[in-house]
Amino acid sequence: MSFSLPDLPYAYDALAPYMSRETLEYHHDKHHLAYVNNGNNLLKGTEWEGKPLEDVVKGSFGKNAGLFNNAGQHYNHIHFWKWMKPGGGGDKIPGALEKKIVGDLGSVAKMKEDFVQAGVTQFGSGWCWLAVKDGKIAVMKTANGESPLVHGAQPILGCDVWEHSYYIDYRNRRPDYLKAFVDHLVNWEHVGEMFDKASK
């Protein structure tokens, strides 16, 4: 299965003012496209050619750095676009997911605080996550293109803290970007769907 760039699930200016048209044009049309193109080139002739993306990501981790970096970022970004929506964020969280967050992390407010903190403290490029690990929801952070997928967990929400994700809109204010993400952008319905799949 070769990689292909998905369309954004909303217009380029739909997430403004929290994420601008310019950011989405650069991030989706240039950065994500580069992961797709590089990933397809690096996939050719490997044992993972024709395999589903998750298998490529897990299989190439620690074995083929170039392929992993591009496949991992392709996987992360496919979901990143769906993890946001116009008018998102807030506390409108599907019931089962909210109950699990409160049970495992203390409260929705604590989860958001820990999630933002994970993103703020991720040194250099990377991601912060909510993931299901050993049956519990955990807050995680990873470097570069890694995800909970290669650390024995199933990601259900991730925020990209590479500079290209926020520098146009927020310059060096990564905490403000992360706060805007949880308060105004998260598509909790999509997180809930991923949680349901991860819980089966």
N, C-alpha and C. Protein backbone atom coordinates (compact mmCIF):
# COMPACT_ATOMS: atom_id res chain seq x y z
N MET A 1 0.85 -1.18 0.00
CA MET A 1 0.00 0.00 0.00
C MET A 1 0.89 1.23 0.00
N SER A 2 0.81 2.00 -1.05
CA SER A 2 1.64 3.22 -1.04
C SER A 2 0.94 4.30 -0.24
N PHE A 3 1.72 5.24 0.27
CA PHE A 3 1.17 6.34 1.07
C PHE A 3 0.55 7.37 0.14
N SER A 4 -0.53 8.00 0.58
CA SER A 4 -1.08 9.12 -0.19
C SER A 4 -1.55 10.20 0.77
N LEU A 5 -1.48 11.43 0.32
CA LEU A 5 -1.83 12.58 1.15
C LEU A 5 -3.34 12.71 1.23
N PRO A 6 -3.91 12.62 2.45
CA PRO A 6 -5.37 12.79 2.55
C PRO A 6 -5.73 14.27 2.42
N ASP A 7 -6.94 14.54 1.96
CA ASP A 7 -7.44 15.92 1.98
C ASP A 7 -7.69 16.34 3.43
N LEU A 8 -7.57 17.61 3.70
CA LEU A 8 -7.97 18.10 5.02
C LEU A 8 -9.48 17.91 5.17
N PRO A 9 -9.96 17.58 6.38
CA PRO A 9 -11.40 17.38 6.56
C PRO A 9 -12.17 18.70 6.73
N TYR A 10 -11.52 19.84 6.47
CA TYR A 10 -12.16 21.15 6.61
C TYR A 10 -11.40 22.11 5.70
N ALA A 11 -11.92 23.31 5.53
CA ALA A 11 -11.26 24.32 4.69
C ALA A 11 -9.98 24.80 5.38
N TYR A 12 -9.07 25.34 4.57
CA TYR A 12 -7.78 25.80 5.11
C TYR A 12 -7.92 26.89 6.17
N ASP A 13 -8.97 27.68 6.06
CA ASP A 13 -9.13 28.77 7.05
C ASP A 13 -10.12 28.41 8.16
N ALA A 14 -10.55 27.15 8.22
CA ALA A 14 -11.61 26.76 9.16
C ALA A 14 -11.17 26.76 10.62
N LEU A 15 -9.87 26.65 10.87
CA LEU A 15 -9.39 26.57 12.26
C LEU A 15 -8.89 27.91 12.78
N ALA A 16 -8.95 28.94 11.94
CA ALA A 16 -8.52 30.28 12.37
C ALA A 16 -9.46 30.77 13.47
N PRO A 17 -8.97 31.57 14.41
CA PRO A 17 -7.62 32.15 14.48
C PRO A 17 -6.60 31.28 15.20
N TYR A 18 -7.01 30.06 15.62
CA TYR A 18 -6.13 29.23 16.45
C TYR A 18 -5.07 28.52 15.61
N MET A 19 -5.40 28.25 14.36
CA MET A 19 -4.43 27.72 13.41
C MET A 19 -4.77 28.34 12.06
N SER A 20 -3.82 29.07 11.50
CA SER A 20 -4.11 29.89 10.33
C SER A 20 -4.09 29.09 9.03
N ARG A 21 -4.70 29.68 8.01
CA ARG A 21 -4.64 29.13 6.65
C ARG A 21 -3.18 28.89 6.24
N GLU A 22 -2.32 29.88 6.52
CA GLU A 22 -0.91 29.77 6.10
C GLU A 22 -0.24 28.56 6.76
N THR A 23 -0.50 28.36 8.06
CA THR A 23 0.07 27.20 8.76
C THR A 23 -0.41 25.91 8.11
N LEU A 24 -1.71 25.80 7.86
CA LEU A 24 -2.24 24.56 7.27
C LEU A 24 -1.72 24.33 5.86
N GLU A 25 -1.58 25.38 5.09
CA GLU A 25 -1.04 25.23 3.74
C GLU A 25 0.39 24.71 3.78
N TYR A 26 1.20 25.26 4.65
CA TYR A 26 2.58 24.78 4.77
C TYR A 26 2.64 23.38 5.37
N HIS A 27 1.89 23.20 6.45
CA HIS A 27 1.99 21.97 7.22
C HIS A 27 1.43 20.78 6.44
N HIS A 28 0.25 20.94 5.87
CA HIS A 28 -0.38 19.85 5.13
C HIS A 28 0.20 19.70 3.72
N ASP A 29 0.24 20.81 2.97
CA ASP A 29 0.59 20.72 1.55
C ASP A 29 2.08 20.53 1.31
N LYS A 30 2.91 20.95 2.28
CA LYS A 30 4.36 20.83 2.06
C LYS A 30 5.00 19.78 2.99
N HIS A 31 4.84 19.95 4.29
CA HIS A 31 5.47 19.01 5.22
C HIS A 31 4.88 17.61 5.12
N HIS A 32 3.55 17.49 5.22
CA HIS A 32 2.96 16.16 5.17
C HIS A 32 3.20 15.52 3.80
N LEU A 33 3.08 16.31 2.76
CA LEU A 33 3.34 15.76 1.41
C LEU A 33 4.77 15.23 1.29
N ALA A 34 5.73 15.91 1.91
CA ALA A 34 7.12 15.45 1.86
C ALA A 34 7.27 14.10 2.56
N TYR A 35 6.57 13.89 3.68
CA TYR A 35 6.63 12.58 4.35
C TYR A 35 6.06 11.49 3.45
N VAL A 36 4.98 11.83 2.75
CA VAL A 36 4.35 10.86 1.83
C VAL A 36 5.30 10.50 0.70
N ASN A 37 5.86 11.52 0.05
CA ASN A 37 6.75 11.27 -1.10
C ASN A 37 8.03 10.54 -0.69
N ASN A 38 8.66 11.02 0.39
CA ASN A 38 9.88 10.36 0.87
C ASN A 38 9.59 8.94 1.34
N GLY A 39 8.47 8.79 2.05
CA GLY A 39 8.08 7.46 2.54
C GLY A 39 7.88 6.48 1.41
N ASN A 40 7.20 6.91 0.35
CA ASN A 40 6.97 6.02 -0.80
C ASN A 40 8.28 5.61 -1.46
N ASN A 41 9.20 6.54 -1.59
CA ASN A 41 10.51 6.21 -2.18
C ASN A 41 11.27 5.22 -1.32
N LEU A 42 11.23 5.43 0.00
CA LEU A 42 11.99 4.57 0.92
C LEU A 42 11.33 3.20 1.13
N LEU A 43 10.03 3.13 0.83
CA LEU A 43 9.28 1.87 0.99
C LEU A 43 9.62 0.87 -0.10
N LYS A 44 9.98 1.39 -1.27
CA LYS A 44 10.22 0.52 -2.43
C LYS A 44 11.30 -0.52 -2.14
N GLY A 45 10.96 -1.77 -2.44
CA GLY A 45 11.95 -2.84 -2.30
C GLY A 45 12.21 -3.31 -0.88
N THR A 46 11.45 -2.77 0.10
CA THR A 46 11.65 -3.24 1.48
C THR A 46 10.63 -4.34 1.80
N GLU A 47 10.85 -5.00 2.91
CA GLU A 47 9.93 -6.08 3.34
C GLU A 47 8.55 -5.54 3.70
N TRP A 48 8.46 -4.20 3.87
CA TRP A 48 7.17 -3.62 4.30
C TRP A 48 6.35 -3.09 3.12
N GLU A 49 6.89 -3.19 1.92
CA GLU A 49 6.15 -2.71 0.75
C GLU A 49 4.83 -3.47 0.64
N GLY A 50 3.72 -2.71 0.47
CA GLY A 50 2.41 -3.36 0.34
C GLY A 50 1.72 -3.66 1.66
N LYS A 51 2.41 -3.39 2.77
CA LYS A 51 1.82 -3.65 4.09
C LYS A 51 1.01 -2.43 4.56
N PRO A 52 0.04 -2.64 5.48
CA PRO A 52 -0.70 -1.50 6.04
C PRO A 52 0.25 -0.55 6.78
N LEU A 53 -0.13 0.71 6.84
CA LEU A 53 0.73 1.74 7.41
C LEU A 53 1.17 1.41 8.84
N GLU A 54 0.25 0.96 9.69
CA GLU A 54 0.62 0.65 11.08
C GLU A 54 1.71 -0.40 11.13
N ASP A 55 1.65 -1.39 10.23
CA ASP A 55 2.67 -2.45 10.19
C ASP A 55 4.02 -1.88 9.74
N VAL A 56 3.97 -0.93 8.79
CA VAL A 56 5.21 -0.29 8.33
C VAL A 56 5.85 0.47 9.48
N VAL A 57 5.03 1.23 10.20
CA VAL A 57 5.53 2.04 11.31
C VAL A 57 6.16 1.15 12.37
N LYS A 58 5.42 0.13 12.82
CA LYS A 58 5.93 -0.75 13.88
C LYS A 58 7.14 -1.55 13.41
N GLY A 59 7.07 -2.03 12.17
CA GLY A 59 8.13 -2.90 11.66
C GLY A 59 9.44 -2.17 11.39
N SER A 60 9.35 -0.94 10.92
CA SER A 60 10.57 -0.21 10.56
C SER A 60 11.23 0.49 11.76
N PHE A 61 10.51 0.57 12.89
CA PHE A 61 11.05 1.24 14.07
C PHE A 61 12.29 0.51 14.58
N GLY A 62 13.40 1.24 14.68
CA GLY A 62 14.64 0.64 15.15
C GLY A 62 15.38 -0.18 14.11
N LYS A 63 14.79 -0.31 12.89
CA LYS A 63 15.42 -1.11 11.85
C LYS A 63 15.76 -0.31 10.60
N ASN A 64 14.88 0.64 10.26
CA ASN A 64 15.09 1.44 9.05
C ASN A 64 14.69 2.88 9.38
N ALA A 65 15.66 3.64 9.86
CA ALA A 65 15.35 4.97 10.42
C ALA A 65 14.70 5.90 9.40
N GLY A 66 15.22 5.93 8.17
CA GLY A 66 14.66 6.83 7.16
C GLY A 66 13.20 6.52 6.87
N LEU A 67 12.92 5.24 6.64
CA LEU A 67 11.54 4.83 6.37
C LEU A 67 10.66 5.10 7.58
N PHE A 68 11.16 4.74 8.77
CA PHE A 68 10.36 4.95 9.97
C PHE A 68 10.00 6.42 10.17
N ASN A 69 10.99 7.31 10.02
CA ASN A 69 10.73 8.74 10.25
C ASN A 69 9.60 9.25 9.37
N ASN A 70 9.59 8.85 8.11
CA ASN A 70 8.56 9.33 7.18
C ASN A 70 7.24 8.61 7.35
N ALA A 71 7.28 7.29 7.55
CA ALA A 71 6.04 6.53 7.77
C ALA A 71 5.40 6.94 9.10
N GLY A 72 6.24 7.13 10.12
CA GLY A 72 5.73 7.53 11.44
C GLY A 72 5.05 8.88 11.38
N GLN A 73 5.68 9.81 10.69
CA GLN A 73 5.09 11.15 10.58
C GLN A 73 3.83 11.13 9.70
N HIS A 74 3.82 10.29 8.68
CA HIS A 74 2.61 10.15 7.85
C HIS A 74 1.46 9.63 8.72
N TYR A 75 1.72 8.59 9.50
CA TYR A 75 0.71 8.04 10.40
C TYR A 75 0.22 9.12 11.37
N ASN A 76 1.17 9.82 12.01
CA ASN A 76 0.79 10.84 13.00
C ASN A 76 -0.07 11.93 12.37
N HIS A 77 0.30 12.36 11.17
CA HIS A 77 -0.41 13.49 10.54
C HIS A 77 -1.78 13.09 9.99
N ILE A 78 -1.92 11.87 9.50
CA ILE A 78 -3.25 11.41 9.05
C ILE A 78 -4.26 11.64 10.17
N HIS A 79 -3.83 11.32 11.40
CA HIS A 79 -4.73 11.47 12.54
C HIS A 79 -4.78 12.90 13.05
N PHE A 80 -3.64 13.60 12.97
CA PHE A 80 -3.59 14.98 13.48
C PHE A 80 -4.67 15.84 12.84
N TRP A 81 -4.85 15.74 11.53
CA TRP A 81 -5.88 16.56 10.86
C TRP A 81 -7.27 16.21 11.39
N LYS A 82 -7.50 14.92 11.69
CA LYS A 82 -8.83 14.51 12.17
C LYS A 82 -9.02 14.82 13.65
N TRP A 83 -7.93 15.00 14.36
CA TRP A 83 -8.03 15.32 15.79
C TRP A 83 -8.40 16.77 16.03
N MET A 84 -8.57 17.52 14.95
CA MET A 84 -8.98 18.92 15.09
C MET A 84 -10.26 19.16 14.30
N LYS A 85 -11.02 20.16 14.72
CA LYS A 85 -12.20 20.57 13.97
C LYS A 85 -12.54 22.00 14.34
N PRO A 86 -13.24 22.72 13.45
CA PRO A 86 -13.68 24.07 13.80
C PRO A 86 -14.61 23.99 15.02
N GLY A 87 -14.44 24.88 15.96
CA GLY A 87 -15.30 24.86 17.15
C GLY A 87 -15.06 23.68 18.06
N GLY A 88 -13.85 23.13 18.02
CA GLY A 88 -13.53 21.96 18.85
C GLY A 88 -13.08 22.38 20.25
N GLY A 89 -12.41 21.44 20.91
CA GLY A 89 -11.90 21.69 22.26
C GLY A 89 -13.00 21.69 23.29
N GLY A 90 -12.74 22.33 24.41
CA GLY A 90 -13.73 22.38 25.48
C GLY A 90 -13.88 21.04 26.18
N ASP A 91 -15.02 20.87 26.84
CA ASP A 91 -15.24 19.66 27.65
C ASP A 91 -16.36 18.78 27.12
N LYS A 92 -16.71 18.94 25.83
CA LYS A 92 -17.78 18.11 25.26
C LYS A 92 -17.19 16.76 24.85
N ILE A 93 -16.90 15.94 25.86
CA ILE A 93 -16.20 14.68 25.63
C ILE A 93 -17.19 13.53 25.72
N PRO A 94 -17.16 12.58 24.75
CA PRO A 94 -18.08 11.43 24.81
C PRO A 94 -18.02 10.75 26.18
N GLY A 95 -19.20 10.32 26.65
CA GLY A 95 -19.35 9.82 28.02
C GLY A 95 -18.36 8.77 28.48
N ALA A 96 -18.21 7.69 27.70
CA ALA A 96 -17.32 6.59 28.12
C ALA A 96 -15.88 7.07 28.23
N LEU A 97 -15.48 7.91 27.29
CA LEU A 97 -14.12 8.45 27.29
C LEU A 97 -13.91 9.37 28.49
N GLU A 98 -14.88 10.22 28.75
CA GLU A 98 -14.76 11.15 29.89
C GLU A 98 -14.63 10.39 31.20
N LYS A 99 -15.44 9.35 31.35
CA LYS A 99 -15.41 8.53 32.57
C LYS A 99 -14.04 7.90 32.76
N LYS A 100 -13.48 7.41 31.66
CA LYS A 100 -12.16 6.75 31.69
C LYS A 100 -11.06 7.77 32.01
N ILE A 101 -11.15 8.95 31.43
CA ILE A 101 -10.16 10.01 31.70
C ILE A 101 -10.18 10.36 33.20
N VAL A 102 -11.38 10.55 33.74
CA VAL A 102 -11.51 10.90 35.15
C VAL A 102 -10.97 9.76 36.03
N GLY A 103 -11.31 8.52 35.66
CA GLY A 103 -10.86 7.36 36.43
C GLY A 103 -9.35 7.18 36.42
N ASP A 104 -8.74 7.39 35.26
CA ASP A 104 -7.31 7.11 35.12
C ASP A 104 -6.41 8.31 35.39
N LEU A 105 -6.93 9.52 35.13
CA LEU A 105 -6.07 10.71 35.23
C LEU A 105 -6.54 11.74 36.26
N GLY A 106 -7.65 11.44 36.95
CA GLY A 106 -8.10 12.32 38.03
C GLY A 106 -9.24 13.24 37.67
N SER A 107 -9.11 13.95 36.56
CA SER A 107 -10.17 14.85 36.09
C SER A 107 -9.83 15.28 34.66
N VAL A 108 -10.83 15.84 33.99
CA VAL A 108 -10.60 16.35 32.63
C VAL A 108 -9.60 17.51 32.69
N ALA A 109 -9.75 18.37 33.69
CA ALA A 109 -8.84 19.52 33.83
C ALA A 109 -7.40 19.06 34.04
N LYS A 110 -7.21 18.02 34.86
CA LYS A 110 -5.87 17.48 35.12
C LYS A 110 -5.30 16.85 33.86
N MET A 111 -6.13 16.14 33.11
CA MET A 111 -5.68 15.55 31.85
C MET A 111 -5.16 16.62 30.90
N LYS A 112 -5.93 17.71 30.77
CA LYS A 112 -5.53 18.79 29.86
C LYS A 112 -4.22 19.43 30.32
N GLU A 113 -4.12 19.64 31.62
CA GLU A 113 -2.91 20.24 32.19
C GLU A 113 -1.69 19.35 31.91
N ASP A 114 -1.85 18.05 32.15
CA ASP A 114 -0.74 17.10 31.93
C ASP A 114 -0.38 16.99 30.45
N PHE A 115 -1.40 17.02 29.60
CA PHE A 115 -1.20 16.93 28.15
C PHE A 115 -0.40 18.14 27.65
N VAL A 116 -0.83 19.34 28.07
CA VAL A 116 -0.12 20.57 27.69
C VAL A 116 1.31 20.53 28.22
N GLN A 117 1.46 20.09 29.48
CA GLN A 117 2.79 20.04 30.09
C GLN A 117 3.71 19.06 29.34
N ALA A 118 3.16 17.94 28.90
CA ALA A 118 3.95 16.97 28.13
C ALA A 118 4.45 17.61 26.84
N GLY A 119 3.60 18.39 26.19
CA GLY A 119 3.99 19.07 24.96
C GLY A 119 5.01 20.17 25.20
N VAL A 120 4.83 20.91 26.29
CA VAL A 120 5.74 22.01 26.61
C VAL A 120 7.13 21.46 26.93
N THR A 121 7.18 20.32 27.63
CA THR A 121 8.47 19.78 28.10
C THR A 121 9.11 18.81 27.12
N GLN A 122 8.46 18.54 25.98
CA GLN A 122 9.10 17.71 24.96
C GLN A 122 10.23 18.54 24.33
N PHE A 123 11.46 18.17 24.63
CA PHE A 123 12.60 18.96 24.15
C PHE A 123 12.78 18.76 22.65
N GLY A 124 12.85 19.86 21.92
CA GLY A 124 13.00 19.76 20.46
C GLY A 124 11.71 19.31 19.81
N SER A 125 11.83 18.64 18.68
CA SER A 125 10.65 18.24 17.91
C SER A 125 10.02 16.98 18.48
N GLY A 126 8.71 16.88 18.34
CA GLY A 126 8.03 15.68 18.81
C GLY A 126 6.54 15.89 18.94
N TRP A 127 5.93 15.06 19.77
CA TRP A 127 4.48 15.04 19.95
C TRP A 127 4.14 14.80 21.41
N CYS A 128 2.94 15.25 21.81
CA CYS A 128 2.39 14.83 23.10
C CYS A 128 1.09 14.08 22.82
N TRP A 129 0.76 13.17 23.72
CA TRP A 129 -0.29 12.19 23.42
C TRP A 129 -1.20 11.87 24.60
N LEU A 130 -2.42 11.43 24.25
CA LEU A 130 -3.23 10.58 25.12
C LEU A 130 -3.21 9.22 24.44
N ALA A 131 -2.94 8.19 25.21
CA ALA A 131 -2.87 6.85 24.61
C ALA A 131 -3.44 5.83 25.58
N VAL A 132 -3.89 4.71 25.03
CA VAL A 132 -4.35 3.61 25.86
C VAL A 132 -3.21 2.61 25.98
N LYS A 133 -2.73 2.43 27.21
CA LYS A 133 -1.62 1.50 27.48
C LYS A 133 -2.00 0.62 28.65
N ASP A 134 -1.92 -0.69 28.44
CA ASP A 134 -2.29 -1.67 29.47
C ASP A 134 -3.69 -1.38 30.04
N GLY A 135 -4.61 -1.00 29.14
CA GLY A 135 -6.00 -0.79 29.55
C GLY A 135 -6.29 0.55 30.21
N LYS A 136 -5.26 1.38 30.37
CA LYS A 136 -5.47 2.68 31.01
C LYS A 136 -5.11 3.81 30.05
N ILE A 137 -5.75 4.98 30.23
CA ILE A 137 -5.38 6.16 29.45
C ILE A 137 -4.16 6.80 30.12
N ALA A 138 -3.15 7.08 29.32
CA ALA A 138 -1.93 7.69 29.84
C ALA A 138 -1.57 8.90 28.99
N VAL A 139 -0.92 9.88 29.60
CA VAL A 139 -0.35 11.01 28.87
C VAL A 139 1.10 10.64 28.56
N MET A 140 1.49 10.81 27.29
CA MET A 140 2.84 10.45 26.87
C MET A 140 3.43 11.57 26.02
N LYS A 141 4.73 11.52 25.81
CA LYS A 141 5.38 12.40 24.83
C LYS A 141 6.44 11.59 24.11
N THR A 142 6.68 11.93 22.85
CA THR A 142 7.68 11.21 22.06
C THR A 142 8.49 12.22 21.25
N ALA A 143 9.68 11.79 20.87
CA ALA A 143 10.53 12.64 20.05
C ALA A 143 10.25 12.40 18.57
N ASN A 144 10.47 13.44 17.79
CA ASN A 144 10.45 13.35 16.32
C ASN A 144 9.18 12.69 15.80
N GLY A 145 9.30 11.59 15.05
CA GLY A 145 8.13 10.96 14.45
C GLY A 145 7.60 9.76 15.21
N GLU A 146 8.15 9.53 16.41
CA GLU A 146 7.67 8.39 17.19
C GLU A 146 6.26 8.66 17.70
N SER A 147 5.55 7.56 18.00
CA SER A 147 4.21 7.67 18.58
C SER A 147 4.05 6.56 19.61
N PRO A 148 2.98 6.58 20.40
CA PRO A 148 2.75 5.49 21.35
C PRO A 148 2.69 4.12 20.68
N LEU A 149 2.36 4.09 19.40
CA LEU A 149 2.27 2.84 18.64
C LEU A 149 3.53 2.00 18.77
N VAL A 150 4.70 2.64 18.84
CA VAL A 150 5.97 1.88 18.92
C VAL A 150 6.43 1.72 20.36
N HIS A 151 5.57 2.11 21.30
CA HIS A 151 5.89 1.96 22.72
C HIS A 151 4.79 1.16 23.42
N GLY A 152 4.18 0.24 22.68
CA GLY A 152 3.20 -0.67 23.27
C GLY A 152 1.89 -0.05 23.67
N ALA A 153 1.53 1.06 23.02
CA ALA A 153 0.28 1.74 23.37
C ALA A 153 -0.46 2.15 22.09
N GLN A 154 -1.73 2.50 22.26
CA GLN A 154 -2.55 2.92 21.12
C GLN A 154 -2.88 4.40 21.26
N PRO A 155 -2.38 5.26 20.35
CA PRO A 155 -2.69 6.69 20.48
C PRO A 155 -4.16 6.98 20.22
N ILE A 156 -4.73 7.89 21.04
CA ILE A 156 -6.12 8.32 20.77
C ILE A 156 -6.20 9.83 20.55
N LEU A 157 -5.14 10.56 20.94
CA LEU A 157 -5.06 12.01 20.67
C LEU A 157 -3.59 12.40 20.65
N GLY A 158 -3.21 13.19 19.65
CA GLY A 158 -1.82 13.67 19.61
C GLY A 158 -1.78 15.11 19.13
N CYS A 159 -0.80 15.84 19.63
CA CYS A 159 -0.57 17.22 19.17
C CYS A 159 0.88 17.35 18.72
N ASP A 160 1.04 17.87 17.53
CA ASP A 160 2.34 18.04 16.89
C ASP A 160 3.04 19.26 17.50
N VAL A 161 4.21 19.04 18.13
CA VAL A 161 4.94 20.18 18.67
C VAL A 161 6.25 20.46 17.90
N TRP A 162 6.32 19.98 16.66
CA TRP A 162 7.38 20.44 15.77
C TRP A 162 7.12 21.93 15.51
N GLU A 163 8.19 22.70 15.34
CA GLU A 163 8.00 24.15 15.17
C GLU A 163 7.13 24.50 13.97
N HIS A 164 7.20 23.68 12.90
CA HIS A 164 6.40 24.03 11.72
C HIS A 164 4.90 23.97 12.00
N SER A 165 4.53 23.33 13.10
CA SER A 165 3.11 23.22 13.45
C SER A 165 2.56 24.50 14.06
N TYR A 166 3.45 25.32 14.64
CA TYR A 166 2.93 26.50 15.35
C TYR A 166 3.70 27.79 15.14
N TYR A 167 4.88 27.75 14.52
CA TYR A 167 5.73 28.94 14.54
C TYR A 167 5.14 30.13 13.77
N ILE A 168 4.44 29.87 12.70
CA ILE A 168 3.83 30.97 11.93
C ILE A 168 2.83 31.74 12.81
N ASP A 169 2.05 31.00 13.59
CA ASP A 169 0.97 31.62 14.38
C ASP A 169 1.41 32.04 15.78
N TYR A 170 2.34 31.29 16.38
CA TYR A 170 2.65 31.52 17.79
C TYR A 170 4.12 31.86 18.04
N ARG A 171 4.94 31.88 16.98
CA ARG A 171 6.38 32.06 17.15
C ARG A 171 6.90 31.06 18.19
N ASN A 172 7.56 31.53 19.24
CA ASN A 172 8.15 30.59 20.21
C ASN A 172 7.22 30.25 21.37
N ARG A 173 5.95 30.63 21.27
CA ARG A 173 5.01 30.45 22.39
C ARG A 173 4.32 29.08 22.32
N ARG A 174 5.09 28.03 22.46
CA ARG A 174 4.51 26.68 22.39
C ARG A 174 3.40 26.46 23.42
N PRO A 175 3.53 26.93 24.67
CA PRO A 175 2.44 26.72 25.63
C PRO A 175 1.11 27.32 25.16
N ASP A 176 1.15 28.50 24.52
CA ASP A 176 -0.09 29.14 24.04
C ASP A 176 -0.72 28.31 22.92
N TYR A 177 0.13 27.75 22.05
CA TYR A 177 -0.37 26.87 20.97
C TYR A 177 -1.06 25.64 21.56
N LEU A 178 -0.43 25.01 22.54
CA LEU A 178 -1.00 23.79 23.13
C LEU A 178 -2.31 24.09 23.86
N LYS A 179 -2.35 25.23 24.52
CA LYS A 179 -3.59 25.61 25.22
C LYS A 179 -4.71 25.87 24.21
N ALA A 180 -4.38 26.55 23.11
CA ALA A 180 -5.38 26.78 22.07
C ALA A 180 -5.86 25.46 21.48
N PHE A 181 -4.94 24.50 21.33
CA PHE A 181 -5.29 23.19 20.79
C PHE A 181 -6.34 22.50 21.68
N VAL A 182 -6.08 22.42 22.99
CA VAL A 182 -7.04 21.71 23.86
C VAL A 182 -8.32 22.52 24.08
N ASP A 183 -8.21 23.85 24.10
CA ASP A 183 -9.40 24.67 24.39
C ASP A 183 -10.29 24.90 23.18
N HIS A 184 -9.71 24.88 21.96
CA HIS A 184 -10.49 25.33 20.80
C HIS A 184 -10.44 24.41 19.57
N LEU A 185 -9.57 23.40 19.56
CA LEU A 185 -9.40 22.64 18.32
C LEU A 185 -9.71 21.14 18.42
N VAL A 186 -9.55 20.54 19.58
CA VAL A 186 -9.66 19.07 19.65
C VAL A 186 -11.04 18.58 19.21
N ASN A 187 -11.02 17.59 18.33
CA ASN A 187 -12.24 16.92 17.89
C ASN A 187 -12.47 15.71 18.81
N TRP A 188 -13.20 15.95 19.90
CA TRP A 188 -13.35 14.89 20.91
C TRP A 188 -14.13 13.69 20.38
N GLU A 189 -14.97 13.90 19.36
CA GLU A 189 -15.69 12.75 18.78
C GLU A 189 -14.71 11.77 18.14
N HIS A 190 -13.72 12.31 17.42
CA HIS A 190 -12.72 11.44 16.79
C HIS A 190 -11.85 10.75 17.84
N VAL A 191 -11.52 11.48 18.90
CA VAL A 191 -10.76 10.88 20.01
C VAL A 191 -11.58 9.73 20.60
N GLY A 192 -12.88 9.98 20.78
CA GLY A 192 -13.77 8.95 21.33
C GLY A 192 -13.83 7.71 20.45
N GLU A 193 -13.86 7.90 19.14
CA GLU A 193 -13.88 6.75 18.21
C GLU A 193 -12.58 5.94 18.32
N MET A 194 -11.45 6.65 18.42
CA MET A 194 -10.17 5.95 18.54
C MET A 194 -10.06 5.25 19.90
N PHE A 195 -10.64 5.86 20.92
CA PHE A 195 -10.66 5.23 22.25
C PHE A 195 -11.48 3.94 22.21
N ASP A 196 -12.64 4.00 21.55
CA ASP A 196 -13.50 2.81 21.45
C ASP A 196 -12.76 1.67 20.75
N LYS A 197 -12.04 2.00 19.66
CA LYS A 197 -11.29 0.95 18.93
C LYS A 197 -10.15 0.41 19.79
N ALA A 198 -9.47 1.30 20.49
CA ALA A 198 -8.32 0.89 21.31
C ALA A 198 -8.76 0.06 22.51
N SER A 199 -10.02 0.21 22.91
CA SER A 199 -10.50 -0.49 24.11
C SER A 199 -11.02 -1.89 23.80
N LYS A 200 -11.14 -2.21 22.51
CA LYS A 200 -11.72 -3.51 22.15
C LYS A 200 -10.70 -4.62 22.30
